[in-house]
Each structure stands twice: as structure tokens, then as C-alpha cells.
C-alpha atoms as a PDB file:
ATOM      1  CA  MET A   1       5.189   2.036  23.798  1.00  0.00           C
ATOM      2  CA  SER A   2       1.825   1.031  25.243  1.00  0.00           C
ATOM      3  CA  TYR A   3      -1.714   1.999  24.534  1.00  0.00           C
ATOM      4  CA  ALA A   4      -4.392   1.944  27.091  1.00  0.00           C
ATOM      5  CA  LEU A   5      -8.153   1.644  26.448  1.00  0.00           C
ATOM      6  CA  ALA A   6     -10.402   2.207  29.446  1.00  0.00           C
ATOM      7  CA  ASN A   7     -13.946   1.515  30.303  1.00  0.00           C
ATOM      8  CA  VAL A   8     -15.438   0.696  27.201  1.00  0.00           C
ATOM      9  CA  SER A   9     -17.358  -2.366  25.921  1.00  0.00           C
ATOM     10  CA  LYS A  10     -15.010  -5.358  25.391  1.00  0.00           C
ATOM     11  CA  LEU A  11     -17.024  -6.402  22.374  1.00  0.00           C
ATOM     12  CA  THR A  12     -16.696  -2.794  20.965  1.00  0.00           C
ATOM     13  CA  ILE A  13     -12.905  -2.912  21.450  1.00  0.00           C
ATOM     14  CA  PHE A  14     -12.814  -6.414  19.791  1.00  0.00           C
ATOM     15  CA  ILE A  15     -14.815  -5.146  16.660  1.00  0.00           C
ATOM     16  CA  LEU A  16     -12.736  -2.024  16.321  1.00  0.00           C
ATOM     17  CA  CYS A  17      -9.467  -4.072  16.324  1.00  0.00           C
ATOM     18  CA  VAL A  18     -10.756  -6.476  13.827  1.00  0.00           C
ATOM     19  CA  VAL A  19     -11.846  -3.534  11.423  1.00  0.00           C
ATOM     20  CA  VAL A  20      -8.428  -1.894  11.769  1.00  0.00           C
ATOM     21  CA  VAL A  21      -6.574  -5.230  11.034  1.00  0.00           C
ATOM     22  CA  LEU A  22      -8.898  -6.072   8.065  1.00  0.00           C
ATOM     23  CA  ALA A  23      -8.601  -2.373   6.597  1.00  0.00           C
ATOM     24  CA  ASP A  24      -4.828  -2.581   6.918  1.00  0.00           C
ATOM     25  CA  SER A  25      -4.698  -6.030   5.281  1.00  0.00           C
ATOM     26  CA  ALA A  26      -7.039  -5.031   2.407  1.00  0.00           C
ATOM     27  CA  SER A  27      -4.932  -1.875   1.777  1.00  0.00           C
ATOM     28  CA  ALA A  28      -1.740  -3.947   1.268  1.00  0.00           C
ATOM     29  CA  GLN A  29      -3.547  -6.820  -0.654  1.00  0.00           C
ATOM     30  CA  ALA A  30      -4.982  -4.194  -2.918  1.00  0.00           C
ATOM     31  CA  LYS A  31      -1.310  -3.735  -4.035  1.00  0.00           C
ATOM     32  CA  GLY A  32      -0.803  -7.437  -4.545  1.00  0.00           C
ATOM     33  CA  ILE A  33       0.908  -7.919  -1.166  1.00  0.00           C
ATOM     34  CA  GLY A  34      -0.237 -10.722   1.100  1.00  0.00           C
ATOM     35  CA  ALA A  35      -0.222 -10.868   4.896  1.00  0.00           C
ATOM     36  CA  ALA A  36       3.233 -12.243   4.793  1.00  0.00           C
ATOM     37  CA  GLY A  37       4.521 -10.086   2.166  1.00  0.00           C
ATOM     38  CA  ASN A  38       4.064 -12.733  -0.382  1.00  0.00           C
ATOM     39  CA  GLY A  39       2.954 -11.464  -3.908  1.00  0.00           C
ATOM     40  CA  ILE A  40       6.081  -9.318  -4.151  1.00  0.00           C
ATOM     41  CA  THR A  41       9.772 -10.293  -4.683  1.00  0.00           C
ATOM     42  CA  PRO A  42      12.783  -8.567  -2.995  1.00  0.00           C
ATOM     43  CA  ALA A  43      13.911  -7.582  -6.576  1.00  0.00           C
ATOM     44  CA  ALA A  44      10.480  -5.821  -7.091  1.00  0.00           C
ATOM     45  CA  MET A  45      10.677  -4.034  -3.802  1.00  0.00           C
ATOM     46  CA  LEU A  46      14.130  -2.560  -4.574  1.00  0.00           C
ATOM     47  CA  GLU A  47      12.978  -1.563  -7.925  1.00  0.00           C
ATOM     48  CA  ARG A  48      10.039   0.376  -6.487  1.00  0.00           C
ATOM     49  CA  ASN A  49      12.304   1.842  -3.838  1.00  0.00           C
ATOM     50  CA  LEU A  50      14.624   3.047  -6.585  1.00  0.00           C
ATOM     51  CA  ALA A  51      11.761   4.568  -8.601  1.00  0.00           C
ATOM     52  CA  ALA A  52      10.429   6.220  -5.425  1.00  0.00           C
ATOM     53  CA  THR A  53      13.775   7.902  -4.490  1.00  0.00           C
ATOM     54  CA  GLY A  54      14.275   9.400  -8.107  1.00  0.00           C
ATOM     55  CA  GLY A  55      15.224   6.527 -10.395  1.00  0.00           C
ATOM     56  CA  SER A  56      18.538   5.074 -11.729  1.00  0.00           C
ATOM     57  CA  GLU A  57      19.167   8.172 -13.932  1.00  0.00           C
ATOM     58  CA  ALA A  58      19.196  10.535 -10.956  1.00  0.00           C
ATOM     59  CA  PHE A  59      21.572   8.397  -9.038  1.00  0.00           C
ATOM     60  CA  GLN A  60      23.718   8.211 -12.123  1.00  0.00           C
ATOM     61  CA  ARG A  61      23.831  11.890 -12.450  1.00  0.00           C
ATOM     62  CA  LEU A  62      24.936  12.228  -8.761  1.00  0.00           C
ATOM     63  CA  GLN A  63      28.744  12.688  -8.783  1.00  0.00           C
ATOM     64  CA  SER A  64      29.026  14.468  -5.424  1.00  0.00           C
ATOM     65  CA  MET A  65      26.864  15.547  -2.509  1.00  0.00           C
ATOM     66  CA  VAL A  66      27.267  17.684   0.539  1.00  0.00           C
ATOM     67  CA  VAL A  67      24.686  17.365   3.440  1.00  0.00           C
ATOM     68  CA  ARG A  68      24.704  19.589   6.553  1.00  0.00           C
ATOM     69  CA  GLY A  69      22.587  19.149   9.705  1.00  0.00           C
ATOM     70  CA  GLU A  70      22.240  19.169  13.457  1.00  0.00           C
ATOM     71  CA  LEU A  71      22.408  16.177  15.744  1.00  0.00           C
ATOM     72  CA  GLY A  72      20.386  16.560  18.808  1.00  0.00           C
ATOM     73  CA  LEU A  73      20.502  14.540  22.013  1.00  0.00           C
ATOM     74  CA  SER A  74      18.078  14.568  25.133  1.00  0.00           C
ATOM     75  CA  ASN A  75      20.437  17.105  26.765  1.00  0.00           C
ATOM     76  CA  PRO A  76      20.670  20.152  24.376  1.00  0.00           C
ATOM     77  CA  ARG A  77      24.184  20.954  25.733  1.00  0.00           C
ATOM     78  CA  SER A  78      25.319  17.839  23.885  1.00  0.00           C
ATOM     79  CA  SER A  79      24.347  18.743  20.475  1.00  0.00           C
ATOM     80  CA  ALA A  80      26.617  18.731  17.439  1.00  0.00           C
ATOM     81  CA  SER A  81      26.693  19.948  13.777  1.00  0.00           C
ATOM     82  CA  VAL A  82      27.005  17.219  11.051  1.00  0.00           C
ATOM     83  CA  ASN A  83      28.563  17.535   7.625  1.00  0.00           C
ATOM     84  CA  TYR A  84      28.564  14.643   5.142  1.00  0.00           C
ATOM     85  CA  PHE A  85      30.599  14.669   2.012  1.00  0.00           C
ATOM     86  CA  TYR A  86      30.217  11.983  -0.742  1.00  0.00           C
ATOM     87  CA  GLU A  87      32.077  11.793  -4.103  1.00  0.00           C
ATOM     88  CA  ALA A  88      31.330   9.037  -6.636  1.00  0.00           C
ATOM     89  CA  PRO A  89      31.883   6.167  -6.696  1.00  0.00           C
ATOM     90  CA  SER A  90      32.767   5.401  -3.094  1.00  0.00           C
ATOM     91  CA  SER A  91      34.362   8.167  -1.189  1.00  0.00           C
ATOM     92  CA  HIS A  92      32.429   9.468   1.839  1.00  0.00           C
ATOM     93  CA  VAL A  93      33.068  11.133   5.257  1.00  0.00           C
ATOM     94  CA  VAL A  94      31.185  12.459   8.068  1.00  0.00           C
ATOM     95  CA  GLN A  95      32.390  15.429   9.962  1.00  0.00           C
ATOM     96  CA  LEU A  96      30.926  15.684  13.511  1.00  0.00           C
ATOM     97  CA  ARG A  97      31.616  18.924  15.471  1.00  0.00           C
ATOM     98  CA  ILE A  98      30.600  18.414  19.098  1.00  0.00           C
ATOM     99  CA  ASN A  99      29.798  21.607  21.047  1.00  0.00           C
ATOM    100  CA  ARG A 100      32.728  22.539  23.473  1.00  0.00           C
ATOM    101  CA  ILE A 101      34.528  19.302  22.856  1.00  0.00           C
ATOM    102  CA  GLY A 102      36.055  18.934  19.350  1.00  0.00           C
ATOM    103  CA  THR A 103      35.577  17.457  15.884  1.00  0.00           C
ATOM    104  CA  LEU A 104      35.560  13.766  14.674  1.00  0.00           C
ATOM    105  CA  TRP A 105      35.785  12.492  11.152  1.00  0.00           C
ATOM    106  CA  ALA A 106      34.899   8.932   9.937  1.00  0.00           C
ATOM    107  CA  GLY A 107      34.599   7.569   6.547  1.00  0.00           C
ATOM    108  CA  GLY A 108      36.472   5.924   3.697  1.00  0.00           C
ATOM    109  CA  HIS A 109      38.436   6.926   0.522  1.00  0.00           C
ATOM    110  CA  GLU A 110      40.015   4.683  -2.203  1.00  0.00           C
ATOM    111  CA  GLY A 111      39.863   1.755   0.085  1.00  0.00           C
ATOM    112  CA  LYS A 112      41.162   3.252   3.175  1.00  0.00           C
ATOM    113  CA  THR A 113      39.336   4.028   6.527  1.00  0.00           C
ATOM    114  CA  ILE A 114      39.249   7.724   7.557  1.00  0.00           C
ATOM    115  CA  SER A 115      39.121   8.134  11.371  1.00  0.00           C
ATOM    116  CA  ARG A 116      40.562  11.218  13.150  1.00  0.00           C
ATOM    117  CA  SER A 117      39.800  13.874  15.509  1.00  0.00           C
ATOM    118  CA  VAL A 118      40.773  17.421  16.630  1.00  0.00           C
ATOM    119  CA  PRO A 119      42.114  17.591  19.400  1.00  0.00           C
ATOM    120  CA  GLU A 120      43.789  14.177  18.669  1.00  0.00           C
ATOM    121  CA  ARG A 121      42.430  12.917  22.012  1.00  0.00           C
ATOM    122  CA  LEU A 122      38.977  14.411  22.542  1.00  0.00           C
ATOM    123  CA  ASP A 123      38.061  15.102  26.292  1.00  0.00           C
ATOM    124  CA  LEU A 124      34.949  13.086  26.102  1.00  0.00           C
ATOM    125  CA  MET A 125      34.725  12.900  29.835  1.00  0.00           C
ATOM    126  CA  ARG A 126      33.585  16.577  29.832  1.00  0.00           C
ATOM    127  CA  MET A 127      30.248  15.177  28.428  1.00  0.00           C
ATOM    128  CA  ASP A 128      27.905  13.213  30.623  1.00  0.00           C
ATOM    129  CA  ASN A 129      28.535   9.557  29.729  1.00  0.00           C
ATOM    130  CA  THR A 130      24.902   8.751  29.195  1.00  0.00           C
ATOM    131  CA  GLU A 131      24.785  11.682  26.635  1.00  0.00           C
ATOM    132  CA  MET A 132      27.953  10.714  24.868  1.00  0.00           C
ATOM    133  CA  GLU A 133      26.863   7.040  24.208  1.00  0.00           C
ATOM    134  CA  PRO A 134      24.200   7.711  21.527  1.00  0.00           C
ATOM    135  CA  LEU A 135      26.502  10.180  19.680  1.00  0.00           C
ATOM    136  CA  ASN A 136      28.021   7.471  17.470  1.00  0.00           C
ATOM    137  CA  ILE A 137      29.531   8.847  14.160  1.00  0.00           C
ATOM    138  CA  TRP A 138      29.730   5.509  12.502  1.00  0.00           C
ATOM    139  CA  ALA A 139      25.906   4.980  12.923  1.00  0.00           C
ATOM    140  CA  ILE A 140      25.358   8.428  11.202  1.00  0.00           C
ATOM    141  CA  LEU A 141      27.791   7.357   8.359  1.00  0.00           C
ATOM    142  CA  ILE A 142      26.079   4.111   7.770  1.00  0.00           C
ATOM    143  CA  ASP A 143      22.593   5.774   7.588  1.00  0.00           C
ATOM    144  CA  LEU A 144      23.699   8.297   5.129  1.00  0.00           C
ATOM    145  CA  ASN A 145      25.590   5.963   2.951  1.00  0.00           C
ATOM    146  CA  ASN A 146      22.617   3.606   2.729  1.00  0.00           C
ATOM    147  CA  LEU A 147      20.396   6.397   1.287  1.00  0.00           C
ATOM    148  CA  LEU A 148      22.838   6.741  -1.612  1.00  0.00           C
ATOM    149  CA  LYS A 149      22.998   3.091  -2.513  1.00  0.00           C
ATOM    150  CA  SER A 150      21.140   2.622  -5.742  1.00  0.00           C
ATOM    151  CA  GLN A 151      22.195  -0.962  -6.367  1.00  0.00           C
ATOM    152  CA  VAL A 152      22.901  -4.093  -4.237  1.00  0.00           C
ATOM    153  CA  SER A 153      25.753  -6.296  -4.980  1.00  0.00           C
ATOM    154  CA  ASP A 154      25.154  -9.751  -6.314  1.00  0.00           C
ATOM    155  CA  LYS A 155      27.258 -11.019  -3.485  1.00  0.00           C
ATOM    156  CA  ILE A 156      24.621  -9.781  -0.965  1.00  0.00           C
ATOM    157  CA  LYS A 157      21.692 -12.263  -0.316  1.00  0.00           C
ATOM    158  CA  VAL A 158      18.421 -10.491  -0.022  1.00  0.00           C
ATOM    159  CA  GLU A 159      15.384 -12.196   1.606  1.00  0.00           C
ATOM    160  CA  LEU A 160      11.848 -10.950   2.136  1.00  0.00           C
ATOM    161  CA  LEU A 161      10.983 -10.820   5.875  1.00  0.00           C
ATOM    162  CA  GLY A 162       7.291  -9.963   5.442  1.00  0.00           C
ATOM    163  CA  ARG A 163       4.908  -7.255   6.771  1.00  0.00           C
ATOM    164  CA  THR A 164       5.230  -5.310  10.025  1.00  0.00           C
ATOM    165  CA  GLU A 165       4.438  -1.725  11.159  1.00  0.00           C
ATOM    166  CA  VAL A 166       6.715   1.102  11.473  1.00  0.00           C
ATOM    167  CA  ASP A 167       5.331   4.231  13.234  1.00  0.00           C
ATOM    168  CA  GLY A 168       1.850   2.842  12.806  1.00  0.00           C
ATOM    169  CA  ARG A 169       2.186   2.163   9.014  1.00  0.00           C
ATOM    170  CA  CYS A 170       2.462  -1.128   7.029  1.00  0.00           C
ATOM    171  CA  ALA A 171       5.908  -1.855   6.142  1.00  0.00           C
ATOM    172  CA  LEU A 172       7.645  -4.675   4.087  1.00  0.00           C
ATOM    173  CA  GLY A 173      10.970  -5.981   5.359  1.00  0.00           C
ATOM    174  CA  LEU A 174      14.099  -7.052   3.572  1.00  0.00           C
ATOM    175  CA  ARG A 175      17.240  -8.786   5.147  1.00  0.00           C
ATOM    176  CA  PHE A 176      20.528  -8.130   3.595  1.00  0.00           C
ATOM    177  CA  THR A 177      23.273 -10.748   4.257  1.00  0.00           C
ATOM    178  CA  PRO A 178      26.918 -10.050   2.859  1.00  0.00           C
ATOM    179  CA  PRO A 179      29.518 -12.793   2.633  1.00  0.00           C
ATOM    180  CA  ARG A 180      31.133 -11.136   5.633  1.00  0.00           C
ATOM    181  CA  GLY A 181      29.992  -8.934   8.377  1.00  0.00           C
ATOM    182  CA  TYR A 182      26.530  -8.492   9.867  1.00  0.00           C
ATOM    183  CA  ARG A 183      22.956  -8.636   8.243  1.00  0.00           C
ATOM    184  CA  VAL A 184      21.177  -5.525   7.948  1.00  0.00           C
ATOM    185  CA  MET A 185      17.369  -5.309   7.843  1.00  0.00           C
ATOM    186  CA  ARG A 186      15.612  -2.580   6.009  1.00  0.00           C
ATOM    187  CA  PHE A 187      11.922  -1.878   6.112  1.00  0.00           C
ATOM    188  CA  TYR A 188       9.905  -0.020   3.220  1.00  0.00           C
ATOM    189  CA  ASP A 189       6.550   1.716   3.427  1.00  0.00           C
ATOM    190  CA  CYS A 190       3.898  -0.534   1.891  1.00  0.00           C
ATOM    191  CA  GLU A 191       2.460   2.335  -0.288  1.00  0.00           C
ATOM    192  CA  THR A 192       5.434   4.659  -1.120  1.00  0.00           C
ATOM    193  CA  PHE A 193       8.261   1.977  -0.818  1.00  0.00           C
ATOM    194  CA  LEU A 194      10.565   4.671   0.816  1.00  0.00           C
ATOM    195  CA  LEU A 195      13.031   3.377   3.336  1.00  0.00           C
ATOM    196  CA  VAL A 196      11.483   4.112   6.750  1.00  0.00           C
ATOM    197  CA  ARG A 197      13.612   1.831   9.088  1.00  0.00           C
ATOM    198  CA  MET A 198      16.974   0.193   9.191  1.00  0.00           C
ATOM    199  CA  ASP A 199      18.253  -2.225  11.796  1.00  0.00           C
ATOM    200  CA  TRP A 200      22.038  -3.293  12.035  1.00  0.00           C
ATOM    201  CA  VAL A 201      24.353  -4.623  14.680  1.00  0.00           C
ATOM    202  CA  GLU A 202      27.339  -2.511  15.861  1.00  0.00           C
ATOM    203  CA  ARG A 203      30.338  -3.649  17.771  1.00  0.00           C
ATOM    204  CA  ILE A 204      31.570  -1.457  20.579  1.00  0.00           C
ATOM    205  CA  ARG A 205      34.618  -1.397  22.903  1.00  0.00           C
ATOM    206  CA  ARG A 206      34.310   0.915  25.799  1.00  0.00           C
ATOM    207  CA  PHE A 207      37.983   0.760  26.563  1.00  0.00           C
ATOM    208  CA  LYS A 208      41.052   0.336  24.335  1.00  0.00           C
ATOM    209  CA  ASP A 209      41.846  -3.244  25.468  1.00  0.00           C
ATOM    210  CA  GLY A 210      38.387  -4.118  26.880  1.00  0.00           C
ATOM    211  CA  PRO A 211      36.076  -6.702  25.660  1.00  0.00           C
ATOM    212  CA  GLU A 212      34.015  -6.083  22.350  1.00  0.00           C
ATOM    213  CA  THR A 213      30.183  -6.209  22.727  1.00  0.00           C
ATOM    214  CA  GLU A 214      27.289  -6.162  20.124  1.00  0.00           C
ATOM    215  CA  GLN A 215      24.151  -4.094  20.223  1.00  0.00           C
ATOM    216  CA  VAL A 216      21.391  -3.250  17.705  1.00  0.00           C
ATOM    217  CA  VAL A 217      21.059   0.193  16.292  1.00  0.00           C
ATOM    218  CA  ARG A 218      17.652   1.059  14.891  1.00  0.00           C
ATOM    219  CA  SER A 219      17.253   4.020  12.612  1.00  0.00           C
ATOM    220  CA  TYR A 220      14.022   5.722  11.388  1.00  0.00           C
ATOM    221  CA  PHE A 221      13.816   7.874   8.235  1.00  0.00           C
ATOM    222  CA  THR A 222      11.007  10.471   7.980  1.00  0.00           C
ATOM    223  CA  ASP A 223      10.006  13.757   6.461  1.00  0.00           C
ATOM    224  CA  TYR A 224      11.124  12.843   2.837  1.00  0.00           C
ATOM    225  CA  LYS A 225      11.518  15.828   0.313  1.00  0.00           C
ATOM    226  CA  GLU A 226      12.978  16.008  -3.085  1.00  0.00           C
ATOM    227  CA  SER A 227      16.279  17.687  -3.952  1.00  0.00           C
ATOM    228  CA  PHE A 228      18.182  17.440  -7.274  1.00  0.00           C
ATOM    229  CA  GLY A 229      15.814  14.737  -8.447  1.00  0.00           C
ATOM    230  CA  LEU A 230      16.306  12.590  -5.325  1.00  0.00           C
ATOM    231  CA  LYS A 231      13.870  12.126  -2.603  1.00  0.00           C
ATOM    232  CA  LEU A 232      15.722  11.935   0.703  1.00  0.00           C
ATOM    233  CA  PRO A 233      14.549  12.100   4.373  1.00  0.00           C
ATOM    234  CA  ARG A 234      15.106  15.285   6.383  1.00  0.00           C
ATOM    235  CA  VAL A 235      14.858  13.553   9.789  1.00  0.00           C
ATOM    236  CA  ILE A 236      16.774  10.418  10.867  1.00  0.00           C
ATOM    237  CA  ARG A 237      16.143   9.075  14.492  1.00  0.00           C
ATOM    238  CA  ILE A 238      18.865   6.728  15.756  1.00  0.00           C
ATOM    239  CA  SER A 239      17.852   4.475  18.585  1.00  0.00           C
ATOM    240  CA  ARG A 240      20.479   2.616  20.582  1.00  0.00           C
ATOM    241  CA  PRO A 241      20.223   0.843  24.004  1.00  0.00           C
ATOM    242  CA  GLN A 242      21.865   3.884  25.607  1.00  0.00           C
ATOM    243  CA  GLY A 243      19.435   6.392  24.200  1.00  0.00           C
ATOM    244  CA  GLU A 244      18.192   8.247  21.170  1.00  0.00           C
ATOM    245  CA  SER A 245      19.452  10.914  18.976  1.00  0.00           C
ATOM    246  CA  GLU A 246      17.840  12.908  16.107  1.00  0.00           C
ATOM    247  CA  LEU A 247      19.604  14.176  13.045  1.00  0.00           C
ATOM    248  CA  LYS A 248      17.928  17.019  11.243  1.00  0.00           C
ATOM    249  CA  LEU A 249      19.289  17.633   7.640  1.00  0.00           C
ATOM    250  CA  SER A 250      19.099  21.284   6.822  1.00  0.00           C
ATOM    251  CA  LYS A 251      21.028  21.672   3.532  1.00  0.00           C
ATOM    252  CA  ILE A 252      21.761  19.380   0.649  1.00  0.00           C
ATOM    253  CA  GLU A 253      23.963  20.213  -2.327  1.00  0.00           C
ATOM    254  CA  ALA A 254      24.462  18.066  -5.306  1.00  0.00           C
ATOM    255  CA  ASN A 255      27.405  17.845  -7.774  1.00  0.00           C
ATOM    256  CA  VAL A 256      29.578  20.479  -6.037  1.00  0.00           C
ATOM    257  CA  LYS A 257      33.328  20.617  -5.755  1.00  0.00           C
ATOM    258  CA  ILE A 258      34.741  19.033  -2.647  1.00  0.00           C
ATOM    259  CA  ASP A 259      38.242  19.859  -1.626  1.00  0.00           C
ATOM    260  CA  ASP A 260      40.578  16.938  -1.670  1.00  0.00           C
ATOM    261  CA  SER A 261      41.624  17.652   1.945  1.00  0.00           C
ATOM    262  CA  VAL A 262      38.176  16.377   3.107  1.00  0.00           C
ATOM    263  CA  PHE A 263      39.060  12.782   2.224  1.00  0.00           C
ATOM    264  CA  GLN A 264      42.598  12.742   3.921  1.00  0.00           C
END
């Protein structure tokens, strides 16, 4: 995104920029956070994020959750409904119903991967390829799973990245490096410590036996509201090189009975 300033004094522009930068820096430093994010540790950031989203007791009370929403693309004909099911400690699945196409499932249960569709082979060619690309069910699953993670494994290395801006607001970044797999970067608002952005790398293969490529997926989390003691976003914007999609969560239910067939 670019911002243009036209036909005003260069000196005035310079002064305004300095004032904005100093004000932003003062706001963060008032909280004990330096320009590079020094003054706060990764552990302290995670503790503040946990407190901001409801606290450890709220997460411990969460035994199951059902989330419903709509996934919209640039072409309204390509929209889809989303149902997310979670059952403690680690069962989760996303159901994606694509208009006029079919239904996809992705997730995990008792160490096994869930991946199926109805019909078995979806006629994805009926959708414009440029519209189908951003509709990635695994990206949705990863975003929703991360919102319910209240603890980080000791095996994951967590590093402070420093300060940046997300949607015009100060944010602090952390990099999570697991023993295996790809690193994930999460960015938290400097004031609220709510998660506002997450970057990760996905592997894609356009054809069954084709070459595997990597690309960055960037998700933005906004419109936080409290439900059942937890503060969760109601809008998730997923940005991939092929385009953007927006997931709007309309209904959240906690500690409800989930039929066992969901995780099969």
C-alpha cells in the first residue's frame, strides 16, 4: 500500500513524520518496550497474550468448541461456509462447504490426519483457478488452532523479533522454531498483546506428481470479542500470493457435545 502527500512544504512533511515516529516510540517505551522490542522478554509477551485472551483458567475450562463462519473471496460466487470443531486435548477438524462444488474436511484426531471430501473427487475445475487458489483449508485450520494454543512446548525455540507495524499500529514479533518443520512468526499488539498477524510457510503441489513449492501465508486477526471467557477475533484475513480470503466468524459455542463421527 502506498501513501502520497502532494504539494505541501517538505519541511512540514518532515516535522510531521518526526512527530509521528516519536509519539509511537514514546507510547511503546512508556510500557517499558524499547525501539527494538528490548525491555520485554518472549516469556513476558506470551504471558500478557494469555492474560489478554482470557487467562489459563479459561483455557483449562475449554473442553470443546464449535466455530461457524463464512469464507469470502473476491468473487462472491466462490464463497464457502466454515465449521470448526475442537475437542480437548488435541482433536480438531475444519469442514469447508464450497458453494456448488462440495465439502472438504481437514484436521487431526488421536495422532491421525483427517483429510476427505464429498464427492470424493471435487470438480474444482468448475471454479475459476484464480478464485480457488486462496481457498486453502489447511491455512484456515492452522489459524484457528493457533488461537486455542495457551502454551508453547519447551521444544520450540521462541525469539523476539522486535517492533513493527500491523495495520498502522505498533506490534511486537516473536519467531517460533520447532525441532522439525517451518518457523512461524506471530505479531502481538503493543498495547493489548492480542495476536494481530501470523506468518508461516506452506508447501503446495499443483499436480499429484508435480514439484513442491513454498509460499508465505500471512493472516491478520481483527474484531476481537469475548465469548465464554475467551477473547477471540471475529475476522481473519488470509493473504497468499494468489489472492486474499476473509473468514468471518458468526457463531462460537463452548463445551458442547460433538458427535464422534466428526473426527472420523
